[in-house]
Amino acid sequence: MTDQQNNSEHEKRREASAKFVIQNVEADSSLDLRDAMETAHRSLADSLRLSFRALQFVMIILVVLYLISGFRTVEDSQTGVSTFFGAIVENEGLSPGLQLNWPPPIGGFEIYQAQNRESDIGGVFKPLVDARLSPDQRISKARASDGLIPGRDGSLLTGDGDLAHIEVEAEWEIIDPIQYATQLPDDFGDEIVTAVLENSMVHIVSQLTLEDLLDQPIEELRSLIQIEAQSSITKLNCGIRISDVSIPSEPEPPLYIQRSYEAFDSARIIAETNVERAISEAHETLIEAAGSKYDVLLDLINEYEQAAETNDETVKRNSLSQITSMLHADNISGKVAKRIAAAQGYRAQIETTLGQDFKRFQSLLPTYREHPELVIRSRWLEMYAAVLGNADAETFFVPEFVQSIKLGISGSDSIAQLRHRNALKMKEAETLLEGVMLNPWILRAREIDLEGPSRELSISSGVVQGRQK
């Protein structure tokens, strides 16, 4: 305030209703008292002026504090919306950091925990059991007459009419705070997620048999529950996303059923083991028969048989051609390869014996038809020369015009030794041929496959046995 303002306020004051006059005979005393009164008035005016300025300063501080109350810090794990007279004023939620809005009651903030929010359905689908008993004791003490009491014991109905127990937990987060703030209060978020989880569990388990539910991998079951729950929440348009679903323990049938289920599970494991063993033996048998490519060969054979049933000659010819090509390929092995190799060896043997004779016969047939005596005489002389040309042949001369003769002659020692050596060489050649063609444990070069099936020898009980693997 200035002095002019003080003077103007002084002039506006009403006139005094009473006047005090100090009568003193002494003039100096009157002047001193008046000066004292003026000094007091000035001191009072200065005090009032300072008080008013302090009041103005306090009012300014209060206004600033009121305006500052509109600021709000949003944490990284939080989200929310800002309001103006209760209405949402933005199309997007609040981002982490310092946010500004009108102070209450004009404006305000709705802040939510956006991440790592948990919902647990607890024992909704679990039976009420004595917590002092271990899981094994609960199963051993279970009786068929115990039953399940509605309202106390929870359970799920499977697709085949059996009962099952399961426990599920979920983590969820707010991805759209505008929808979340519009659709439901924050206190109802956990209740909504819990209700959706229960509904999803009922729907999923009702589509599975008890055996399928117990055999279902936990990860796959978690994925089914999460997908089903998220689909239901998306239809509500409440801005919630199921981030994770966990199953603390595996699904289980009622306690009494578990007592007999252990024996059933053991029998099932034995059956699965037998099936796997049979498949392995069948696999080994097929490899022993046709090698590692047996599956391709089986497909071609099945294709040929189907074409034969439908009389499709084109498919039959194509399939037979592919089978023949595969059987003659270098990568075929097993008994099929040995049979083919034996057949090819026999064919080569025929071609080198009877085949050559047949070719010679075919070449001599036209000449024989023209000059049979000449051909016979020529062949006789060739055969006579061939017989006499053998190193172990002995010649005996018999006198002419002898009707019959009986000889008791011992042959030459050198000829006898030569015949003996030739016989040994023949037996050695036959033994070697049998080993190559008939011995299944000697590999040929094209049968050696370092990456595929192989053969091995094993010794058990002093007996050497061979097998393919």
Protein backbone atom coordinates (compact mmCIF):
# COMPACT_ATOMS: atom_id res chain seq x y z
CA MET A 1 0.00 0.00 0.00
CA THR A 2 1.14 3.54 -0.64
CA ASP A 3 0.69 6.68 1.49
CA GLN A 4 -1.89 8.07 -0.92
CA GLN A 5 -4.04 5.00 -0.40
CA ASN A 6 -3.77 5.46 3.36
CA ASN A 7 -4.80 9.12 3.04
CA SER A 8 -7.78 8.26 0.89
CA GLU A 9 -8.91 5.64 3.38
CA HIS A 10 -8.46 8.20 6.17
CA GLU A 11 -10.67 10.69 4.32
CA LYS A 12 -13.40 8.11 3.80
CA ARG A 13 -13.68 7.54 7.49
CA ARG A 14 -16.76 9.03 9.12
CA GLU A 15 -16.54 12.10 11.21
CA ALA A 16 -15.82 11.68 14.87
CA SER A 17 -18.88 11.53 17.05
CA ALA A 18 -16.97 12.80 19.99
CA LYS A 19 -13.93 14.92 20.49
CA PHE A 20 -11.59 14.82 23.38
CA VAL A 21 -10.06 18.12 24.24
CA ILE A 22 -7.16 18.20 26.55
CA GLN A 23 -7.04 21.32 28.45
CA ASN A 24 -3.75 22.19 29.87
CA VAL A 25 -2.58 25.43 30.80
CA GLU A 26 0.80 24.65 29.74
CA ALA A 27 1.14 24.89 25.90
CA ASP A 28 4.28 22.78 25.66
CA SER A 29 2.66 19.85 27.40
CA SER A 30 -0.28 19.98 24.92
CA LEU A 31 2.04 19.85 21.95
CA ASP A 32 4.04 16.93 23.33
CA LEU A 33 0.91 14.85 23.89
CA ARG A 34 -0.34 15.49 20.36
CA ASP A 35 2.98 14.40 18.92
CA ALA A 36 2.83 11.22 20.96
CA MET A 37 -0.65 10.44 19.66
CA GLU A 38 0.41 10.96 16.04
CA THR A 39 3.39 8.64 16.56
CA ALA A 40 1.07 5.98 17.97
CA HIS A 41 -1.28 6.33 14.98
CA ARG A 42 1.59 5.92 12.55
CA SER A 43 2.87 2.83 14.38
CA LEU A 44 -0.59 1.27 14.31
CA ALA A 45 -0.96 1.99 10.59
CA ASP A 46 2.42 0.44 9.88
CA SER A 47 1.49 -2.66 11.87
CA LEU A 48 -1.79 -3.04 10.03
CA ARG A 49 0.00 -2.59 6.71
CA LEU A 50 2.51 -5.36 7.56
CA SER A 51 -0.26 -7.70 8.72
CA PHE A 52 -2.20 -7.20 5.50
CA ARG A 53 0.89 -7.91 3.40
CA ALA A 54 1.55 -11.09 5.42
CA LEU A 55 -2.06 -12.13 4.86
CA GLN A 56 -1.68 -11.55 1.13
CA PHE A 57 1.50 -13.66 1.07
CA VAL A 58 -0.20 -16.51 2.94
CA MET A 59 -3.16 -16.38 0.54
CA ILE A 60 -0.79 -16.56 -2.44
CA ILE A 61 1.00 -19.56 -0.88
CA LEU A 62 -2.33 -21.30 -0.33
CA VAL A 63 -3.38 -20.68 -3.94
CA VAL A 64 -0.06 -22.07 -5.18
CA LEU A 65 -0.37 -25.13 -2.96
CA TYR A 66 -3.92 -25.66 -4.18
CA LEU A 67 -2.76 -25.50 -7.78
CA ILE A 68 0.19 -27.82 -7.04
CA SER A 69 -2.23 -30.39 -5.62
CA GLY A 70 -3.26 -31.03 -9.22
CA PHE A 71 0.15 -32.62 -9.96
CA ARG A 72 0.46 -36.42 -9.68
CA THR A 73 3.38 -38.79 -10.36
CA VAL A 74 2.51 -42.07 -12.12
CA GLU A 75 4.89 -44.97 -11.44
CA ASP A 76 6.18 -47.32 -14.16
CA SER A 77 3.89 -50.15 -13.01
CA GLN A 78 0.83 -47.89 -12.79
CA THR A 79 -1.69 -46.46 -15.19
CA GLY A 80 -4.89 -44.51 -14.89
CA VAL A 81 -7.05 -41.68 -16.22
CA SER A 82 -7.49 -37.99 -15.48
CA THR A 83 -10.96 -36.54 -14.86
CA PHE A 84 -12.62 -33.14 -15.05
CA PHE A 85 -15.72 -32.87 -12.84
CA GLY A 86 -15.81 -36.71 -12.83
CA ALA A 87 -15.61 -37.14 -16.61
CA ILE A 88 -12.58 -38.70 -18.37
CA VAL A 89 -10.84 -35.98 -20.34
CA GLU A 90 -8.35 -37.98 -22.45
CA ASN A 91 -8.63 -40.70 -25.09
CA GLU A 92 -5.56 -42.50 -23.75
CA GLY A 93 -4.51 -43.49 -20.30
CA LEU A 94 -1.86 -41.82 -18.21
CA SER A 95 1.72 -42.60 -19.08
CA PRO A 96 4.42 -42.99 -16.40
CA GLY A 97 5.86 -39.70 -15.16
CA LEU A 98 4.59 -36.37 -13.79
CA GLN A 99 0.97 -35.59 -14.76
CA LEU A 100 -0.88 -32.25 -14.42
CA ASN A 101 -4.60 -31.72 -13.91
CA TRP A 102 -7.01 -29.39 -12.19
CA PRO A 103 -6.95 -29.85 -8.39
CA PRO A 104 -9.92 -31.46 -6.62
CA PRO A 105 -12.83 -31.09 -6.70
CA ILE A 106 -12.51 -29.70 -10.22
CA GLY A 107 -10.23 -32.43 -11.55
CA GLY A 108 -8.66 -35.62 -10.32
CA PHE A 109 -6.84 -38.84 -11.11
CA GLU A 110 -7.83 -42.52 -11.04
CA ILE A 111 -4.59 -44.50 -10.60
CA TYR A 112 -4.51 -48.31 -11.02
CA GLN A 113 -1.86 -50.96 -10.52
CA ALA A 114 -1.37 -51.98 -14.16
CA GLN A 115 0.93 -55.02 -13.98
CA ASN A 116 1.46 -58.25 -12.02
CA ARG A 117 -2.04 -58.39 -10.61
CA GLU A 118 -2.96 -61.89 -9.43
CA SER A 119 -6.19 -63.85 -9.28
CA ASP A 120 -6.46 -67.23 -7.60
CA ILE A 121 -9.57 -69.41 -7.74
CA GLY A 122 -8.25 -71.22 -4.67
CA GLY A 123 -10.12 -74.38 -3.71
CA VAL A 124 -13.18 -73.77 -5.88
CA PHE A 125 -12.53 -77.03 -7.74
CA LYS A 126 -10.67 -78.85 -4.94
CA PRO A 127 -12.10 -81.13 -2.22
CA LEU A 128 -11.95 -80.17 1.43
CA VAL A 129 -9.27 -82.37 3.00
CA ASP A 130 -7.46 -82.55 6.30
CA ALA A 131 -4.40 -80.31 5.95
CA ARG A 132 -2.51 -82.45 8.48
CA LEU A 133 -2.45 -85.43 6.09
CA SER A 134 0.12 -85.86 3.36
CA PRO A 135 -1.05 -86.50 -0.23
CA ASP A 136 -0.26 -90.22 0.08
CA GLN A 137 -2.18 -90.48 3.35
CA ARG A 138 -5.18 -88.74 1.81
CA ILE A 139 -5.25 -91.29 -1.00
CA SER A 140 -4.71 -94.29 1.25
CA LYS A 141 -7.51 -93.22 3.64
CA ALA A 142 -10.00 -92.35 0.89
CA ARG A 143 -13.20 -94.45 0.79
CA ALA A 144 -15.84 -94.87 -1.85
CA SER A 145 -18.48 -93.80 0.66
CA ASP A 146 -16.80 -90.46 1.34
CA GLY A 147 -18.28 -88.77 -1.70
CA LEU A 148 -18.22 -85.06 -2.46
CA ILE A 149 -20.48 -82.64 -0.61
CA PRO A 150 -21.80 -79.76 -2.79
CA GLY A 151 -20.92 -76.38 -1.38
CA ARG A 152 -17.94 -77.79 0.49
CA ASP A 153 -16.02 -79.90 -2.04
CA GLY A 154 -15.32 -78.50 -5.47
CA SER A 155 -14.92 -80.50 -8.68
CA LEU A 156 -15.16 -80.30 -12.47
CA LEU A 157 -17.27 -82.52 -14.73
CA THR A 158 -15.34 -84.03 -17.65
CA GLY A 159 -16.68 -84.88 -21.08
CA ASP A 160 -17.09 -88.58 -20.22
CA GLY A 161 -18.98 -87.90 -16.98
CA ASP A 162 -16.07 -88.27 -14.56
CA LEU A 163 -14.97 -85.80 -11.89
CA ALA A 164 -11.64 -84.00 -11.73
CA HIS A 165 -9.92 -81.52 -9.40
CA ILE A 166 -7.64 -78.71 -10.49
CA GLU A 167 -6.23 -75.45 -9.14
CA VAL A 168 -5.46 -72.43 -11.33
CA GLU A 169 -3.81 -69.04 -10.77
CA ALA A 170 -3.54 -66.15 -13.21
CA GLU A 171 -1.66 -62.89 -13.61
CA TRP A 172 -3.36 -60.07 -15.44
CA GLU A 173 -2.69 -56.47 -16.40
CA ILE A 174 -4.55 -53.38 -17.55
CA ILE A 175 -3.82 -52.57 -21.19
CA ASP A 176 -6.61 -50.05 -21.79
CA PRO A 177 -7.23 -47.85 -18.73
CA ILE A 178 -10.03 -45.93 -20.49
CA GLN A 179 -12.10 -49.11 -20.98
CA TYR A 180 -11.16 -50.35 -17.52
CA ALA A 181 -12.25 -47.10 -15.81
CA THR A 182 -15.44 -46.95 -17.87
CA GLN A 183 -16.61 -50.54 -17.40
CA LEU A 184 -15.88 -51.43 -13.78
CA PRO A 185 -14.47 -50.15 -10.50
CA ASP A 186 -10.94 -51.16 -9.67
CA ASP A 187 -12.07 -53.35 -6.76
CA PHE A 188 -14.06 -55.53 -9.19
CA GLY A 189 -11.10 -56.29 -11.50
CA ASP A 190 -9.92 -59.32 -9.54
CA GLU A 191 -13.48 -60.62 -9.20
CA ILE A 192 -14.03 -60.37 -12.96
CA VAL A 193 -10.83 -62.27 -13.75
CA THR A 194 -11.61 -64.95 -11.14
CA ALA A 195 -15.12 -65.47 -12.53
CA VAL A 196 -13.78 -65.72 -16.09
CA LEU A 197 -11.15 -68.28 -15.00
CA GLU A 198 -13.78 -70.46 -13.35
CA ASN A 199 -16.03 -70.29 -16.40
CA SER A 200 -13.11 -71.13 -18.72
CA MET A 201 -12.12 -74.12 -16.61
CA VAL A 202 -15.66 -75.51 -16.70
CA HIS A 203 -15.82 -75.08 -20.49
CA ILE A 204 -12.40 -76.63 -21.22
CA VAL A 205 -12.69 -79.64 -18.90
CA SER A 206 -16.18 -80.44 -20.20
CA GLN A 207 -14.66 -81.04 -23.64
CA LEU A 208 -12.02 -83.52 -22.39
CA THR A 209 -12.25 -87.01 -20.99
CA LEU A 210 -10.65 -87.71 -17.64
CA GLU A 211 -7.85 -89.69 -19.29
CA ASP A 212 -7.17 -86.90 -21.80
CA LEU A 213 -7.16 -84.31 -19.01
CA LEU A 214 -4.65 -86.28 -16.94
CA ASP A 215 -2.45 -86.97 -19.97
CA GLN A 216 -2.61 -83.38 -21.20
CA PRO A 217 0.78 -81.61 -20.91
CA ILE A 218 0.66 -78.82 -18.32
CA GLU A 219 1.97 -76.23 -20.79
CA GLU A 220 -0.71 -77.10 -23.32
CA LEU A 221 -3.44 -76.99 -20.68
CA ARG A 222 -2.18 -73.59 -19.46
CA SER A 223 -2.30 -72.30 -23.02
CA LEU A 224 -5.88 -73.53 -23.50
CA ILE A 225 -7.04 -71.85 -20.27
CA GLN A 226 -5.30 -68.58 -21.12
CA ILE A 227 -6.80 -68.46 -24.62
CA GLU A 228 -10.29 -69.30 -23.38
CA ALA A 229 -10.16 -66.76 -20.53
CA GLN A 230 -8.75 -63.99 -22.71
CA SER A 231 -11.48 -64.61 -25.30
CA SER A 232 -14.17 -64.12 -22.64
CA ILE A 233 -12.52 -61.00 -21.20
CA THR A 234 -12.11 -59.47 -24.66
CA LYS A 235 -15.89 -59.72 -25.16
CA LEU A 236 -16.40 -57.61 -22.00
CA ASN A 237 -14.31 -54.70 -23.41
CA CYS A 238 -12.87 -54.02 -19.96
CA GLY A 239 -9.24 -53.39 -21.03
CA ILE A 240 -7.78 -56.43 -19.21
CA ARG A 241 -5.25 -58.90 -20.61
CA ILE A 242 -4.37 -62.29 -19.07
CA SER A 243 -0.56 -62.24 -19.06
CA ASP A 244 0.06 -65.68 -17.55
CA VAL A 245 -1.77 -68.73 -16.22
CA SER A 246 -0.18 -71.18 -13.80
CA ILE A 247 -1.32 -74.57 -12.52
CA PRO A 248 0.32 -75.22 -9.11
CA SER A 249 -0.40 -78.97 -9.22
CA GLU A 250 -1.37 -81.43 -11.93
CA PRO A 251 -5.06 -82.24 -12.45
CA GLU A 252 -6.21 -85.27 -10.46
CA PRO A 253 -9.31 -87.44 -10.15
CA PRO A 254 -11.13 -87.89 -6.83
CA LEU A 255 -9.00 -89.39 -4.07
CA TYR A 256 -10.65 -92.81 -4.08
CA ILE A 257 -10.26 -93.12 -7.86
CA GLN A 258 -6.57 -92.35 -7.49
CA ARG A 259 -6.12 -95.52 -5.45
CA SER A 260 -7.21 -97.70 -8.37
CA TYR A 261 -5.84 -95.29 -10.94
CA GLU A 262 -2.28 -96.07 -9.88
CA ALA A 263 -2.75 -99.71 -10.91
CA PHE A 264 -4.38 -98.61 -14.14
CA ASP A 265 -1.56 -96.20 -14.83
CA SER A 266 1.00 -98.95 -14.21
CA ALA A 267 -0.81 -101.29 -16.61
CA ARG A 268 -0.99 -98.55 -19.20
CA ILE A 269 2.76 -97.91 -18.90
CA ILE A 270 3.43 -101.62 -19.39
CA ALA A 271 1.18 -101.65 -22.45
CA GLU A 272 2.90 -98.61 -23.91
CA THR A 273 6.28 -100.27 -23.27
CA ASN A 274 5.16 -103.41 -25.09
CA VAL A 275 3.88 -101.38 -28.00
CA GLU A 276 7.15 -99.48 -28.24
CA ARG A 277 9.09 -102.75 -28.09
CA ALA A 278 6.93 -104.24 -30.85
CA ILE A 279 7.42 -101.16 -32.99
CA SER A 280 11.17 -101.33 -32.40
CA GLU A 281 11.27 -105.01 -33.34
CA ALA A 282 9.21 -104.36 -36.44
CA HIS A 283 11.54 -101.54 -37.33
CA GLU A 284 14.58 -103.80 -36.91
CA THR A 285 12.93 -106.55 -38.96
CA LEU A 286 12.16 -104.16 -41.79
CA ILE A 287 15.69 -102.76 -41.71
CA GLU A 288 17.06 -106.30 -41.79
CA ALA A 289 14.84 -107.04 -44.77
CA ALA A 290 15.28 -103.90 -46.88
CA GLY A 291 17.73 -101.55 -45.11
CA SER A 292 17.16 -98.01 -43.94
CA LYS A 293 15.09 -97.15 -47.04
CA TYR A 294 12.39 -99.69 -46.26
CA ASP A 295 9.68 -97.07 -45.74
CA VAL A 296 10.05 -95.78 -49.31
CA LEU A 297 10.00 -99.33 -50.64
CA LEU A 298 6.86 -100.14 -48.61
CA ASP A 299 5.09 -97.07 -49.99
CA LEU A 300 5.90 -98.16 -53.55
CA ILE A 301 4.70 -101.70 -52.86
CA ASN A 302 1.44 -100.41 -51.35
CA GLU A 303 0.98 -98.14 -54.34
CA TYR A 304 1.49 -101.09 -56.69
CA GLU A 305 -1.00 -103.27 -54.76
CA GLN A 306 -3.66 -100.56 -54.80
CA ALA A 307 -3.15 -100.11 -58.54
CA ALA A 308 -3.45 -103.89 -59.00
CA GLU A 309 -6.76 -103.92 -57.13
CA THR A 310 -8.13 -101.11 -59.32
CA ASN A 311 -6.56 -102.52 -62.53
CA ASP A 312 -4.74 -99.27 -63.21
CA GLU A 313 -2.06 -100.44 -65.61
CA THR A 314 -0.33 -97.07 -65.86
CA VAL A 315 0.21 -96.77 -62.12
CA LYS A 316 1.23 -100.44 -61.95
CA ARG A 317 3.93 -99.95 -64.57
CA ASN A 318 5.23 -96.76 -62.94
CA SER A 319 5.28 -98.31 -59.46
CA LEU A 320 6.94 -101.49 -60.68
CA SER A 321 9.55 -99.45 -62.53
CA GLN A 322 10.33 -97.42 -59.41
CA ILE A 323 10.52 -100.58 -57.27
CA THR A 324 12.92 -102.19 -59.75
CA SER A 325 15.10 -99.08 -59.86
CA MET A 326 15.23 -98.90 -56.09
CA LEU A 327 16.07 -102.61 -55.69
CA HIS A 328 18.98 -102.24 -58.09
CA ALA A 329 20.26 -99.04 -56.48
CA ASP A 330 23.47 -99.01 -54.47
CA ASN A 331 21.82 -97.76 -51.25
CA ILE A 332 19.62 -100.85 -50.85
CA SER A 333 20.73 -103.33 -48.20
CA GLY A 334 19.44 -106.18 -46.03
CA LYS A 335 18.07 -109.55 -47.13
CA VAL A 336 16.61 -108.03 -50.26
CA ALA A 337 20.04 -106.90 -51.38
CA LYS A 338 21.51 -110.36 -50.63
CA ARG A 339 18.78 -112.09 -52.61
CA ILE A 340 19.28 -109.76 -55.53
CA ALA A 341 23.04 -110.19 -55.38
CA ALA A 342 22.64 -113.98 -55.31
CA ALA A 343 20.27 -113.82 -58.27
CA GLN A 344 22.65 -111.60 -60.20
CA GLY A 345 25.51 -113.99 -59.40
CA TYR A 346 23.45 -116.94 -60.58
CA ARG A 347 22.53 -115.04 -63.71
CA ALA A 348 26.17 -114.27 -64.37
CA GLN A 349 26.99 -117.92 -63.82
CA ILE A 350 24.33 -118.98 -66.31
CA GLU A 351 25.55 -116.44 -68.82
CA THR A 352 29.12 -117.73 -68.52
CA THR A 353 28.07 -121.40 -68.91
CA LEU A 354 24.81 -122.17 -70.62
CA GLY A 355 24.63 -118.71 -72.11
CA GLN A 356 27.90 -119.18 -73.91
CA ASP A 357 26.81 -122.60 -75.12
CA PHE A 358 23.54 -121.11 -76.36
CA LYS A 359 25.39 -118.38 -78.23
CA ARG A 360 27.70 -120.95 -79.82
CA PHE A 361 24.71 -123.05 -80.74
CA GLN A 362 23.00 -120.07 -82.32
CA SER A 363 26.11 -119.27 -84.32
CA LEU A 364 26.53 -122.87 -85.56
CA LEU A 365 22.87 -123.49 -86.39
CA PRO A 366 22.86 -121.91 -89.89
CA THR A 367 26.06 -123.77 -90.90
CA TYR A 368 24.76 -127.04 -89.47
CA ARG A 369 21.60 -126.77 -91.54
CA GLU A 370 23.72 -126.46 -94.71
CA HIS A 371 26.57 -128.89 -93.88
CA PRO A 372 25.65 -131.00 -90.85
CA GLU A 373 28.39 -133.63 -91.29
CA LEU A 374 31.08 -131.01 -91.57
CA VAL A 375 29.90 -129.23 -88.41
CA ILE A 376 29.72 -132.49 -86.46
CA ARG A 377 33.14 -133.57 -87.56
CA SER A 378 34.62 -130.14 -86.72
CA ARG A 379 33.04 -130.09 -83.26
CA TRP A 380 34.25 -133.66 -82.63
CA LEU A 381 37.78 -132.74 -83.44
CA GLU A 382 37.61 -129.62 -81.26
CA MET A 383 36.29 -131.63 -78.34
CA TYR A 384 38.93 -134.34 -78.90
CA ALA A 385 41.64 -131.70 -78.89
CA ALA A 386 40.21 -130.06 -75.79
CA VAL A 387 40.12 -133.33 -73.89
CA LEU A 388 43.63 -134.29 -74.90
CA GLY A 389 44.83 -130.78 -74.23
CA ASN A 390 44.21 -131.04 -70.47
CA ALA A 391 47.39 -131.25 -68.42
CA ASP A 392 46.10 -134.19 -66.41
CA ALA A 393 44.99 -136.23 -69.45
CA GLU A 394 46.63 -139.61 -69.99
CA THR A 395 46.70 -141.35 -73.36
CA PHE A 396 46.48 -145.13 -73.76
CA PHE A 397 47.01 -146.84 -77.12
CA VAL A 398 44.99 -150.04 -77.73
CA PRO A 399 45.89 -152.47 -80.56
CA GLU A 400 43.54 -152.47 -83.54
CA PHE A 401 41.04 -155.25 -84.10
CA VAL A 402 40.80 -156.03 -80.35
CA GLN A 403 37.21 -156.79 -79.51
CA SER A 404 37.55 -156.35 -75.74
CA ILE A 405 40.34 -155.59 -73.33
CA LYS A 406 40.70 -155.29 -69.60
CA LEU A 407 43.46 -153.10 -68.28
CA GLY A 408 44.83 -152.83 -64.74
CA ILE A 409 47.12 -149.83 -65.06
CA SER A 410 48.19 -147.34 -62.39
CA GLY A 411 48.39 -143.75 -63.62
CA SER A 412 51.36 -141.48 -63.53
CA ASP A 413 52.22 -139.97 -60.12
CA SER A 414 52.65 -136.49 -61.56
CA ILE A 415 49.20 -136.65 -63.15
CA ALA A 416 47.66 -137.84 -59.88
CA GLN A 417 49.23 -134.96 -57.94
CA LEU A 418 48.05 -132.48 -60.56
CA ARG A 419 44.48 -133.77 -60.28
CA HIS A 420 44.64 -133.50 -56.47
CA ARG A 421 45.81 -129.86 -56.64
CA ASN A 422 43.05 -129.02 -59.13
CA ALA A 423 40.44 -130.57 -56.82
CA LEU A 424 41.66 -128.49 -53.86
CA LYS A 425 41.55 -125.31 -55.91
CA MET A 426 38.00 -126.11 -56.99
CA LYS A 427 36.82 -126.63 -53.40
CA GLU A 428 38.49 -123.40 -52.29
CA ALA A 429 36.75 -121.47 -55.05
CA GLU A 430 33.38 -122.99 -54.13
CA THR A 431 33.85 -122.14 -50.43
CA LEU A 432 34.76 -118.54 -51.24
CA LEU A 433 31.72 -118.18 -53.50
CA GLU A 434 29.39 -119.52 -50.80
CA GLY A 435 30.87 -117.10 -48.26
CA VAL A 436 30.24 -114.11 -50.49
CA MET A 437 26.76 -115.10 -51.69
CA LEU A 438 25.28 -116.82 -48.63
CA ASN A 439 27.07 -115.42 -45.52
CA PRO A 440 24.89 -112.52 -44.26
CA TRP A 441 27.60 -111.14 -41.96
CA ILE A 442 30.13 -110.22 -44.61
CA LEU A 443 29.42 -106.77 -46.03
CA ARG A 444 30.04 -105.81 -49.58
CA ALA A 445 31.52 -102.43 -50.35
CA ARG A 446 28.18 -100.90 -51.39
CA GLU A 447 26.50 -102.16 -48.20
CA ILE A 448 28.85 -100.24 -45.91
CA ASP A 449 26.92 -97.22 -44.56
CA LEU A 450 28.57 -95.37 -41.69
CA GLU A 451 25.45 -93.28 -41.02
CA GLY A 452 22.74 -95.87 -41.60
CA PRO A 453 21.97 -99.32 -40.18
CA SER A 454 24.88 -101.70 -39.59
CA ARG A 455 25.58 -105.27 -38.53
CA GLU A 456 27.37 -106.49 -35.47
CA LEU A 457 28.54 -109.72 -33.85
CA SER A 458 27.74 -110.44 -30.22
CA ILE A 459 28.96 -113.26 -27.98
CA SER A 460 26.53 -114.62 -25.37
CA SER A 461 26.88 -117.93 -23.52
CA GLY A 462 29.94 -118.77 -25.63
CA VAL A 463 27.95 -118.60 -28.89
CA VAL A 464 28.74 -116.07 -31.59
CA GLN A 465 25.56 -114.50 -32.93
CA GLY A 466 25.05 -111.82 -35.52
CA ARG A 467 22.26 -109.33 -35.92
CA GLN A 468 21.45 -106.16 -37.75
CA LYS A 469 20.77 -102.93 -35.98
